[in-house]
């Protein structure tokens, strides 16, 4: 019997494949996220998306996870902000050595020019600038000078000198000649108990005129101390020659200006030196400090080069800046400045160059950055009154000195190492990129149990998901064909 109630419809193979694909449900976004949660190492994520957990339980885990993620975000921001403050710490260390290089010792008389060495031409060119003469070439304070000097000034024919005046008056030779000489000032010198002399000092032009440096870099000798204390240092007996002092502002004080500095540093005595008064025995205990500073952004030191100095220091930088300022204004330089510029002649020196320098000294110009590496010498000074017997013995040794003048002129100086060690003060980076990454990694592990590989897994998951969604879908062209048999 033939049944007419059932239609028999054979199905092609393509139709079977299509029906099979319809039976397989496509994965949802939740399915994809669930698969990731089961596979990831993020703490709590597995419990948030598990289907067998109740909704309240999953919500509690979600709350804990997002609290942890929020704390992690706060800590990451906090650490990044701290990193960009570029913090540094300072390390202080004390280094002991069997011997230490002795520093350079520069001494200058507080009086720049000796009155007995001033020629008639000197008085004509610089007498008014020094405050010795007024505009009519008379002594400004006759009572401050000896009778012989007053008579000498009265007898100078300044008009004749002016008629033959030359603007090419050599100021450099004038400073060298008219200033105090180390051969006259140095009465006795001892280095570690052995006699030394004026030949052990190197002449330097400074803002104070003639200055003299022991252990100068140009001598090629580097004196060292192998023991601390006065017996292994420098001892000087200095005559400051007050009878030669000029009575003007620059010569108002009597004594010496001293600077203890590294050999490679130019002597910036006027600005950085300390004063020693006559009739005193001064004990100067020195200690070395090495400073190592950080450049930007962790500090503000400068490690560049200079035009006229091999080693960058604040004094060398300021001298170069002052040089350029004076040269730009006057077209010449002062004798103490480096470079091959012409030294100012005649009235240029006092009427242009000196005022230009003083303007810089009293302004905010020529401010220099601290060097990244610098050696400094700190000092402690103690003083005692010189005994009359010391003066008497020296007076006998130097019979040419005016009788009775040495008592008010003598300065005795001991310069020595306080100890055979030096302090290093080093700035160090407190928080670098490695520390930042370590902190972020530690916080990730603490709050959400993640590591670098966990993050890479998340990145991989996001990339794969996005790539799958934007990938052009392949359109299937297979059509279902139904075959109906003939009735």
Protein backbone atom coordinates (compact mmCIF):
# COMPACT_ATOMS: atom_id res chain seq x y z
CA UNK A 1 0.00 0.00 0.00
CA UNK A 2 1.12 3.33 -0.88
CA UNK A 3 0.96 5.96 1.85
CA UNK A 4 0.02 9.35 0.66
CA UNK A 5 0.27 11.00 4.10
CA UNK A 6 4.04 11.12 4.16
CA UNK A 7 6.12 12.94 1.64
CA UNK A 8 9.50 11.33 1.17
CA UNK A 9 12.15 14.07 0.48
CA UNK A 10 15.69 12.90 -0.09
CA UNK A 11 18.31 15.38 1.12
CA UNK A 12 21.56 16.24 -0.67
CA UNK A 13 24.97 16.19 1.13
CA UNK A 14 25.17 19.98 1.06
CA UNK A 15 21.83 20.19 2.81
CA UNK A 16 23.09 17.87 5.54
CA UNK A 17 26.12 20.03 6.18
CA UNK A 18 23.98 23.10 6.42
CA UNK A 19 21.65 21.45 8.90
CA UNK A 20 24.61 20.35 10.98
CA UNK A 21 25.98 23.84 11.12
CA UNK A 22 22.63 25.11 12.32
CA UNK A 23 22.62 22.55 15.11
CA UNK A 24 26.02 23.90 16.37
CA UNK A 25 25.26 27.11 18.22
CA UNK A 26 27.76 29.96 17.54
CA UNK A 27 29.85 31.01 20.57
CA UNK A 28 28.66 34.18 22.31
CA UNK A 29 30.81 36.96 23.77
CA UNK A 30 30.17 35.52 27.22
CA UNK A 31 31.40 32.13 26.06
CA UNK A 32 34.58 33.73 24.79
CA UNK A 33 35.05 35.63 28.06
CA UNK A 34 34.35 32.46 30.05
CA UNK A 35 37.00 30.60 28.12
CA UNK A 36 39.47 33.40 28.86
CA UNK A 37 38.53 33.43 32.54
CA UNK A 38 39.12 29.71 32.85
CA UNK A 39 42.50 30.06 31.21
CA UNK A 40 43.85 33.27 32.78
CA UNK A 41 45.91 33.70 35.95
CA UNK A 42 44.11 36.87 37.04
CA UNK A 43 42.88 36.25 40.58
CA UNK A 44 39.10 36.33 40.97
CA UNK A 45 38.22 36.40 37.28
CA UNK A 46 37.48 32.67 37.21
CA UNK A 47 35.03 33.04 40.08
CA UNK A 48 33.29 36.01 38.53
CA UNK A 49 32.31 34.21 35.32
CA UNK A 50 31.69 30.66 36.58
CA UNK A 51 28.14 29.57 35.70
CA UNK A 52 27.85 27.25 38.68
CA UNK A 53 28.34 30.15 41.13
CA UNK A 54 25.33 32.03 42.38
CA UNK A 55 24.90 35.58 41.23
CA UNK A 56 25.51 37.11 44.72
CA UNK A 57 28.70 35.09 45.05
CA UNK A 58 29.92 36.23 41.65
CA UNK A 59 29.04 39.84 42.46
CA UNK A 60 31.10 39.70 45.67
CA UNK A 61 34.09 38.39 43.73
CA UNK A 62 33.57 41.09 41.09
CA UNK A 63 33.50 43.71 43.84
CA UNK A 64 36.77 42.45 45.32
CA UNK A 65 38.39 42.26 41.89
CA UNK A 66 37.45 45.80 40.90
CA UNK A 67 38.55 47.16 44.30
CA UNK A 68 41.92 45.52 43.74
CA UNK A 69 42.07 46.87 40.19
CA UNK A 70 41.20 50.34 41.44
CA UNK A 71 43.93 50.23 44.11
CA UNK A 72 46.34 48.97 41.48
CA UNK A 73 45.47 51.87 39.18
CA UNK A 74 45.97 54.35 42.01
CA UNK A 75 49.36 52.88 42.92
CA UNK A 76 50.50 52.85 39.28
CA UNK A 77 49.57 56.51 38.84
CA UNK A 78 51.25 57.35 42.16
CA UNK A 79 54.48 55.59 41.17
CA UNK A 80 54.55 57.18 37.72
CA UNK A 81 54.03 60.65 39.21
CA UNK A 82 56.82 59.98 41.73
CA UNK A 83 59.12 58.75 38.97
CA UNK A 84 58.72 62.01 37.06
CA UNK A 85 59.74 64.05 40.12
CA UNK A 86 63.22 62.59 39.42
CA UNK A 87 64.16 62.07 43.07
CA UNK A 88 67.72 61.53 44.20
CA UNK A 89 69.47 60.55 47.40
CA UNK A 90 72.84 61.67 48.71
CA UNK A 91 75.49 59.14 49.64
CA UNK A 92 78.22 60.28 52.03
CA UNK A 93 81.37 58.22 52.39
CA UNK A 94 84.69 58.70 54.15
CA UNK A 95 87.70 57.47 52.17
CA UNK A 96 91.05 56.84 53.84
CA UNK A 97 94.27 57.12 51.84
CA UNK A 98 97.98 56.66 52.68
CA UNK A 99 98.66 60.07 51.12
CA UNK A 100 96.63 63.03 49.90
CA UNK A 101 97.46 65.63 47.31
CA UNK A 102 98.08 68.98 48.95
CA UNK A 103 95.92 71.79 47.57
CA UNK A 104 97.09 75.00 45.94
CA UNK A 105 97.44 77.89 48.41
CA UNK A 106 97.04 81.39 46.96
CA UNK A 107 97.86 84.49 49.01
CA UNK A 108 97.16 88.12 48.14
CA UNK A 109 97.90 91.33 49.98
CA UNK A 110 94.72 93.25 50.73
CA UNK A 111 96.55 96.35 49.45
CA UNK A 112 96.88 96.21 45.68
CA UNK A 113 99.65 98.76 45.03
CA UNK A 114 102.70 99.90 47.02
CA UNK A 115 102.96 103.62 47.40
CA UNK A 116 106.75 103.66 47.04
CA UNK A 117 106.54 101.94 43.65
CA UNK A 118 104.18 104.47 42.07
CA UNK A 119 105.95 106.54 39.44
CA UNK A 120 104.90 110.00 38.33
CA UNK A 121 103.23 108.48 35.26
CA UNK A 122 101.38 106.02 37.50
CA UNK A 123 100.02 108.85 39.62
CA UNK A 124 98.96 110.80 36.54
CA UNK A 125 97.09 107.87 35.00
CA UNK A 126 95.63 106.24 38.10
CA UNK A 127 96.04 108.64 41.02
CA UNK A 128 92.47 109.92 40.76
CA UNK A 129 90.99 106.46 40.23
CA UNK A 130 92.79 105.18 43.31
CA UNK A 131 91.50 108.06 45.41
CA UNK A 132 95.00 109.43 46.00
CA UNK A 133 94.54 112.60 43.94
CA UNK A 134 91.57 114.84 43.30
CA UNK A 135 90.59 116.39 39.97
CA UNK A 136 93.30 119.08 40.34
CA UNK A 137 95.97 116.44 41.03
CA UNK A 138 96.29 117.37 44.71
CA UNK A 139 96.28 114.79 47.49
CA UNK A 140 92.74 114.05 48.62
CA UNK A 141 93.87 113.39 52.20
CA UNK A 142 97.32 114.94 52.75
CA UNK A 143 97.29 114.03 56.44
CA UNK A 144 97.25 110.31 55.57
CA UNK A 145 100.57 110.36 53.76
CA UNK A 146 104.13 110.98 54.79
CA UNK A 147 105.73 114.38 54.37
CA UNK A 148 108.13 113.00 51.76
CA UNK A 149 105.28 111.66 49.63
CA UNK A 150 103.29 114.89 49.96
CA UNK A 151 106.27 116.94 48.82
CA UNK A 152 106.91 114.60 45.96
CA UNK A 153 103.34 114.94 44.66
CA UNK A 154 103.54 118.74 44.86
CA UNK A 155 106.66 118.75 42.71
CA UNK A 156 105.24 116.54 39.91
CA UNK A 157 104.57 118.43 36.67
CA UNK A 158 101.31 116.72 35.72
CA UNK A 159 100.72 119.14 32.86
CA UNK A 160 103.93 118.03 31.15
CA UNK A 161 103.02 114.38 31.66
CA UNK A 162 99.58 115.03 30.19
CA UNK A 163 101.07 116.73 27.13
CA UNK A 164 103.10 113.60 26.38
CA UNK A 165 100.43 111.16 27.50
CA UNK A 166 99.94 107.99 25.50
CA UNK A 167 96.79 105.96 25.60
CA UNK A 168 98.98 102.87 25.29
CA UNK A 169 100.02 102.96 28.93
CA UNK A 170 100.75 99.32 29.79
CA UNK A 171 98.51 98.48 32.71
CA UNK A 172 99.64 94.86 32.97
CA UNK A 173 103.26 95.81 33.59
CA UNK A 174 102.10 98.52 35.98
CA UNK A 175 100.18 96.02 38.13
CA UNK A 176 103.09 93.58 38.13
CA UNK A 177 105.61 96.28 39.05
CA UNK A 178 103.62 98.40 41.49
CA UNK A 179 102.00 95.55 43.40
CA UNK A 180 103.46 93.74 46.37
CA UNK A 181 106.23 91.28 45.54
CA UNK A 182 106.50 87.83 47.07
CA UNK A 183 110.25 88.31 47.46
CA UNK A 184 109.58 91.24 49.82
CA UNK A 185 106.61 89.82 51.70
CA UNK A 186 107.88 86.27 52.31
CA UNK A 187 110.24 86.33 55.28
CA UNK A 188 110.39 82.58 55.89
CA UNK A 189 108.87 79.52 54.25
CA UNK A 190 108.83 75.89 55.30
CA UNK A 191 107.27 72.89 53.61
CA UNK A 192 107.16 69.81 55.85
CA UNK A 193 109.99 71.26 57.88
CA UNK A 194 112.23 71.96 54.88
CA UNK A 195 113.03 75.49 53.76
CA UNK A 196 111.23 76.83 50.71
CA UNK A 197 111.40 80.25 49.07
CA UNK A 198 109.69 82.71 46.74
CA UNK A 199 110.71 80.43 43.86
CA UNK A 200 108.14 77.93 45.08
CA UNK A 201 105.35 80.46 44.42
CA UNK A 202 103.82 81.25 41.04
CA UNK A 203 102.58 84.74 40.22
CA UNK A 204 98.89 85.14 39.35
CA UNK A 205 96.91 88.18 38.25
CA UNK A 206 93.59 88.33 40.11
CA UNK A 207 90.93 90.92 40.92
CA UNK A 208 93.19 91.84 43.88
CA UNK A 209 96.21 92.45 41.66
CA UNK A 210 99.35 90.41 42.30
CA UNK A 211 98.75 87.09 44.02
CA UNK A 212 101.06 84.15 44.58
CA UNK A 213 100.25 80.44 44.56
CA UNK A 214 102.11 77.63 46.28
CA UNK A 215 101.74 74.22 44.57
CA UNK A 216 100.56 75.83 41.35
CA UNK A 217 99.45 73.57 38.49
CA UNK A 218 101.93 75.16 36.05
CA UNK A 219 104.94 74.06 38.10
CA UNK A 220 104.28 70.42 37.23
CA UNK A 221 104.80 69.47 40.87
CA UNK A 222 102.08 67.99 43.01
CA UNK A 223 102.98 68.16 46.67
CA UNK A 224 101.42 65.44 48.83
CA UNK A 225 100.90 64.95 52.56
CA UNK A 226 101.56 61.55 54.08
CA UNK A 227 100.82 62.60 57.64
CA UNK A 228 98.29 64.95 59.13
CA UNK A 229 99.20 67.88 61.36
CA UNK A 230 101.19 71.11 61.30
CA UNK A 231 104.56 69.37 60.89
CA UNK A 232 103.58 68.03 57.47
CA UNK A 233 102.19 71.16 55.94
CA UNK A 234 103.12 74.64 54.80
CA UNK A 235 104.34 77.34 57.18
CA UNK A 236 104.74 80.95 56.07
CA UNK A 237 106.00 84.12 57.73
CA UNK A 238 104.54 87.06 55.81
CA UNK A 239 105.22 90.79 56.05
CA UNK A 240 102.11 92.63 54.81
CA UNK A 241 104.04 95.97 54.48
CA UNK A 242 101.39 98.30 55.89
CA UNK A 243 103.71 101.28 55.45
CA UNK A 244 103.21 100.77 51.71
CA UNK A 245 99.40 100.86 51.86
CA UNK A 246 97.38 103.35 49.89
CA UNK A 247 94.60 105.18 51.67
CA UNK A 248 91.60 104.42 49.49
CA UNK A 249 88.72 101.99 49.62
CA UNK A 250 90.54 98.98 48.18
CA UNK A 251 93.29 99.35 50.79
CA UNK A 252 91.10 100.04 53.81
CA UNK A 253 91.95 96.72 55.53
CA UNK A 254 95.34 95.34 56.44
CA UNK A 255 96.27 91.71 56.08
CA UNK A 256 96.14 88.86 53.60
CA UNK A 257 93.41 87.26 51.51
CA UNK A 258 93.97 83.50 51.23
CA UNK A 259 92.30 80.86 49.09
CA UNK A 260 92.86 77.12 49.38
CA UNK A 261 91.73 75.41 46.22
CA UNK A 262 92.28 72.51 43.85
CA UNK A 263 95.20 72.90 41.45
CA UNK A 264 92.98 73.00 38.37
CA UNK A 265 90.83 75.82 39.75
CA UNK A 266 91.74 79.45 38.98
CA UNK A 267 92.19 81.50 42.16
CA UNK A 268 88.97 83.43 42.69
CA UNK A 269 90.48 85.04 45.78
CA UNK A 270 88.57 88.31 46.02
CA UNK A 271 85.19 86.60 46.07
CA UNK A 272 85.93 83.27 47.77
CA UNK A 273 89.05 83.83 49.87
CA UNK A 274 89.24 84.42 53.62
CA UNK A 275 91.18 87.17 55.41
CA UNK A 276 94.04 86.84 57.89
CA UNK A 277 94.92 89.72 60.19
CA UNK A 278 98.45 90.84 61.17
CA UNK A 279 100.13 90.13 64.51
CA UNK A 280 98.50 86.70 64.60
CA UNK A 281 99.62 83.11 64.11
CA UNK A 282 96.87 81.40 62.11
CA UNK A 283 96.44 77.62 62.06
CA UNK A 284 94.42 76.46 59.06
CA UNK A 285 93.34 72.81 59.20
CA UNK A 286 92.00 71.68 55.84
CA UNK A 287 89.91 68.70 54.79
CA UNK A 288 89.03 67.60 51.30
CA UNK A 289 85.55 66.99 49.95
CA UNK A 290 84.71 65.46 46.57
CA UNK A 291 81.25 66.36 45.29
CA UNK A 292 79.58 64.30 42.57
CA UNK A 293 76.34 65.88 41.38
CA UNK A 294 73.67 64.67 38.98
CA UNK A 295 72.74 66.51 35.77
CA UNK A 296 69.20 67.26 34.64
CA UNK A 297 66.59 66.02 35.25
CA UNK A 298 67.78 64.63 38.60
CA UNK A 299 69.95 67.65 39.49
CA UNK A 300 71.20 70.89 38.02
CA UNK A 301 74.92 70.36 37.53
CA UNK A 302 76.83 71.19 34.35
CA UNK A 303 79.50 68.98 32.82
CA UNK A 304 80.29 70.90 29.65
CA UNK A 305 83.49 72.55 28.51
CA UNK A 306 84.77 76.09 28.63
CA UNK A 307 86.57 78.13 26.04
CA UNK A 308 89.68 79.02 28.01
CA UNK A 309 89.80 76.47 30.82
CA UNK A 310 90.21 72.71 30.55
CA UNK A 311 88.20 72.02 33.68
CA UNK A 312 84.75 73.42 34.38
CA UNK A 313 84.34 75.05 37.79
CA UNK A 314 82.20 77.91 39.02
CA UNK A 315 85.20 80.30 39.31
CA UNK A 316 86.43 79.49 35.79
CA UNK A 317 82.91 79.90 34.39
CA UNK A 318 82.47 83.26 36.13
CA UNK A 319 85.85 84.51 34.92
CA UNK A 320 84.99 83.64 31.33
CA UNK A 321 81.62 85.34 31.65
CA UNK A 322 83.19 88.47 33.17
CA UNK A 323 85.80 88.45 30.42
CA UNK A 324 83.18 88.45 27.67
CA UNK A 325 81.15 91.16 29.42
CA UNK A 326 84.14 93.48 29.82
CA UNK A 327 85.36 92.80 26.30
CA UNK A 328 81.94 93.49 24.76
CA UNK A 329 81.70 96.81 26.57
CA UNK A 330 85.31 98.01 26.33
CA UNK A 331 86.95 96.06 23.50
CA UNK A 332 89.76 94.90 25.82
CA UNK A 333 90.26 92.77 28.92
CA UNK A 334 91.63 93.04 32.43
CA UNK A 335 95.04 91.53 33.14
CA UNK A 336 93.63 88.67 35.22
CA UNK A 337 91.40 87.34 32.48
CA UNK A 338 92.39 84.49 30.11
CA UNK A 339 92.27 84.67 26.29
CA UNK A 340 94.40 86.49 23.74
CA UNK A 341 92.39 89.71 23.93
CA UNK A 342 94.38 92.90 24.34
CA UNK A 343 94.79 94.10 27.92
CA UNK A 344 93.20 97.49 28.45
CA UNK A 345 95.61 100.42 28.21
CA UNK A 346 95.65 103.76 29.97
CA UNK A 347 92.31 105.18 31.00
CA UNK A 348 90.42 102.26 29.48
CA UNK A 349 91.38 100.19 32.49
CA UNK A 350 89.81 102.33 35.22
CA UNK A 351 87.26 104.27 33.20
CA UNK A 352 85.68 101.31 31.38
CA UNK A 353 86.97 97.85 32.28
CA UNK A 354 86.96 98.17 36.07
CA UNK A 355 83.47 99.75 36.23
CA UNK A 356 82.17 97.06 33.87
CA UNK A 357 83.60 94.35 36.12
CA UNK A 358 82.16 95.94 39.26
CA UNK A 359 78.75 96.17 37.59
CA UNK A 360 78.86 92.43 36.94
CA UNK A 361 80.00 91.65 40.49
CA UNK A 362 77.06 93.55 41.97
CA UNK A 363 74.44 92.15 39.60
CA UNK A 364 72.80 88.79 38.87
CA UNK A 365 74.80 88.34 35.69
CA UNK A 366 77.39 85.59 35.29
CA UNK A 367 75.54 83.09 37.46
CA UNK A 368 77.08 79.67 36.79
CA UNK A 369 75.79 76.17 37.40
CA UNK A 370 77.50 73.84 39.82
CA UNK A 371 79.88 71.37 38.20
CA UNK A 372 79.02 67.67 38.18
CA UNK A 373 82.40 66.80 39.70
CA UNK A 374 84.29 69.15 41.95
CA UNK A 375 86.91 68.96 44.69
CA UNK A 376 86.62 71.45 47.53
CA UNK A 377 88.79 72.13 50.53
CA UNK A 378 87.04 73.09 53.73
CA UNK A 379 89.02 74.77 56.47
CA UNK A 380 88.96 75.57 60.17
CA UNK A 381 90.97 78.52 61.44
CA UNK A 382 92.33 79.08 64.92
CA UNK A 383 94.63 81.95 65.87
CA UNK A 384 97.09 82.94 68.55
CA UNK A 385 99.02 86.14 69.25
CA UNK A 386 102.59 86.18 67.97
CA UNK A 387 105.19 86.40 70.74
CA UNK A 388 107.59 89.38 70.74
CA UNK A 389 110.55 86.97 70.63
CA UNK A 390 109.38 85.69 67.24
CA UNK A 391 109.31 89.24 65.89
CA UNK A 392 112.76 89.97 67.33
CA UNK A 393 114.30 86.88 65.72
CA UNK A 394 112.82 87.71 62.33
CA UNK A 395 113.91 91.33 62.63
CA UNK A 396 117.47 90.14 63.15
CA UNK A 397 117.24 87.85 60.14
CA UNK A 398 115.95 90.71 57.97
CA UNK A 399 117.88 93.75 59.09
CA UNK A 400 116.76 95.76 56.05
CA UNK A 401 113.22 96.02 57.42
CA UNK A 402 112.31 99.36 59.05
CA UNK A 403 112.76 99.09 62.78
CA UNK A 404 109.57 98.50 64.74
CA UNK A 405 107.34 97.87 61.73
CA UNK A 406 107.35 94.09 61.84
CA UNK A 407 105.25 93.84 64.99
CA UNK A 408 102.15 95.21 63.23
CA UNK A 409 102.94 93.59 59.88
CA UNK A 410 103.81 89.97 60.66
CA UNK A 411 101.42 87.14 59.83
CA UNK A 412 102.38 83.52 60.52
CA UNK A 413 100.35 80.87 58.71
CA UNK A 414 100.27 77.10 59.11
CA UNK A 415 98.32 75.20 56.44
CA UNK A 416 98.01 71.45 56.97
CA UNK A 417 95.77 68.44 56.39
CA UNK A 418 93.45 67.71 59.29
CA UNK A 419 93.42 63.97 58.53
CA UNK A 420 94.47 61.61 55.75
CA UNK A 421 90.95 61.02 54.57
CA UNK A 422 88.43 62.81 52.44
CA UNK A 423 84.68 62.89 52.24
CA UNK A 424 82.74 62.02 49.10
CA UNK A 425 79.25 63.44 48.73
CA UNK A 426 77.54 61.75 45.80
CA UNK A 427 74.07 62.31 44.44
CA UNK A 428 72.48 59.07 43.26
CA UNK A 429 69.25 58.37 41.40
CA UNK A 430 66.69 57.28 43.98
CA UNK A 431 64.02 55.94 41.64
CA UNK A 432 64.88 54.82 38.13
CA UNK A 433 62.90 53.03 35.43
CA UNK A 434 63.80 49.59 36.82
CA UNK A 435 62.44 50.60 40.23
CA UNK A 436 59.25 51.86 38.61
CA UNK A 437 58.67 48.59 36.74
CA UNK A 438 59.47 46.57 39.85
CA UNK A 439 56.93 48.56 41.89
CA UNK A 440 54.23 48.20 39.24
CA UNK A 441 54.90 44.47 38.98
CA UNK A 442 54.76 44.06 42.74
CA UNK A 443 51.49 45.96 43.00
CA UNK A 444 49.98 43.92 40.17
CA UNK A 445 50.87 40.71 41.97
CA UNK A 446 49.50 41.98 45.28
CA UNK A 447 46.16 43.34 44.10
CA UNK A 448 45.13 41.18 41.13
CA UNK A 449 47.67 38.36 41.07
CA UNK A 450 49.00 39.39 37.67
CA UNK A 451 52.48 39.27 36.19
CA UNK A 452 54.05 40.35 32.92
CA UNK A 453 53.06 37.10 31.26
CA UNK A 454 49.50 37.53 32.54
CA UNK A 455 49.34 40.94 30.93
CA UNK A 456 50.72 39.51 27.69
CA UNK A 457 48.00 36.87 27.82
CA UNK A 458 45.37 39.61 28.16
CA UNK A 459 46.89 41.51 25.24
CA UNK A 460 46.89 38.34 23.16
CA UNK A 461 43.21 37.69 24.02
CA UNK A 462 42.15 41.22 23.11
CA UNK A 463 44.10 41.09 19.86
CA UNK A 464 42.65 37.74 18.87
CA UNK A 465 39.10 38.82 19.71
CA UNK A 466 39.33 42.10 17.80
CA UNK A 467 40.98 40.39 14.85
CA UNK A 468 38.25 37.78 14.71
CA UNK A 469 35.50 40.38 14.67
CA UNK A 470 37.00 42.59 11.98
CA UNK A 471 38.06 39.72 9.73
CA UNK A 472 35.87 39.69 6.63
CA UNK A 473 33.47 36.77 6.84
CA UNK A 474 33.46 34.36 3.99
CA UNK A 475 30.09 34.18 2.43
CA UNK A 476 28.88 30.66 1.72
CA UNK A 477 27.29 30.22 -1.70
CA UNK A 478 25.86 26.74 -0.99
CA UNK A 479 22.08 26.57 -1.46
CA UNK A 480 19.73 23.96 0.01
CA UNK A 481 18.17 21.88 -2.77
CA UNK A 482 15.12 19.83 -2.02
CA UNK A 483 14.11 17.08 -4.47
CA UNK A 484 10.50 16.08 -4.58
CA UNK A 485 9.71 12.80 -6.29
CA UNK A 486 7.04 12.78 -8.85
CA UNK A 487 3.62 11.94 -7.62
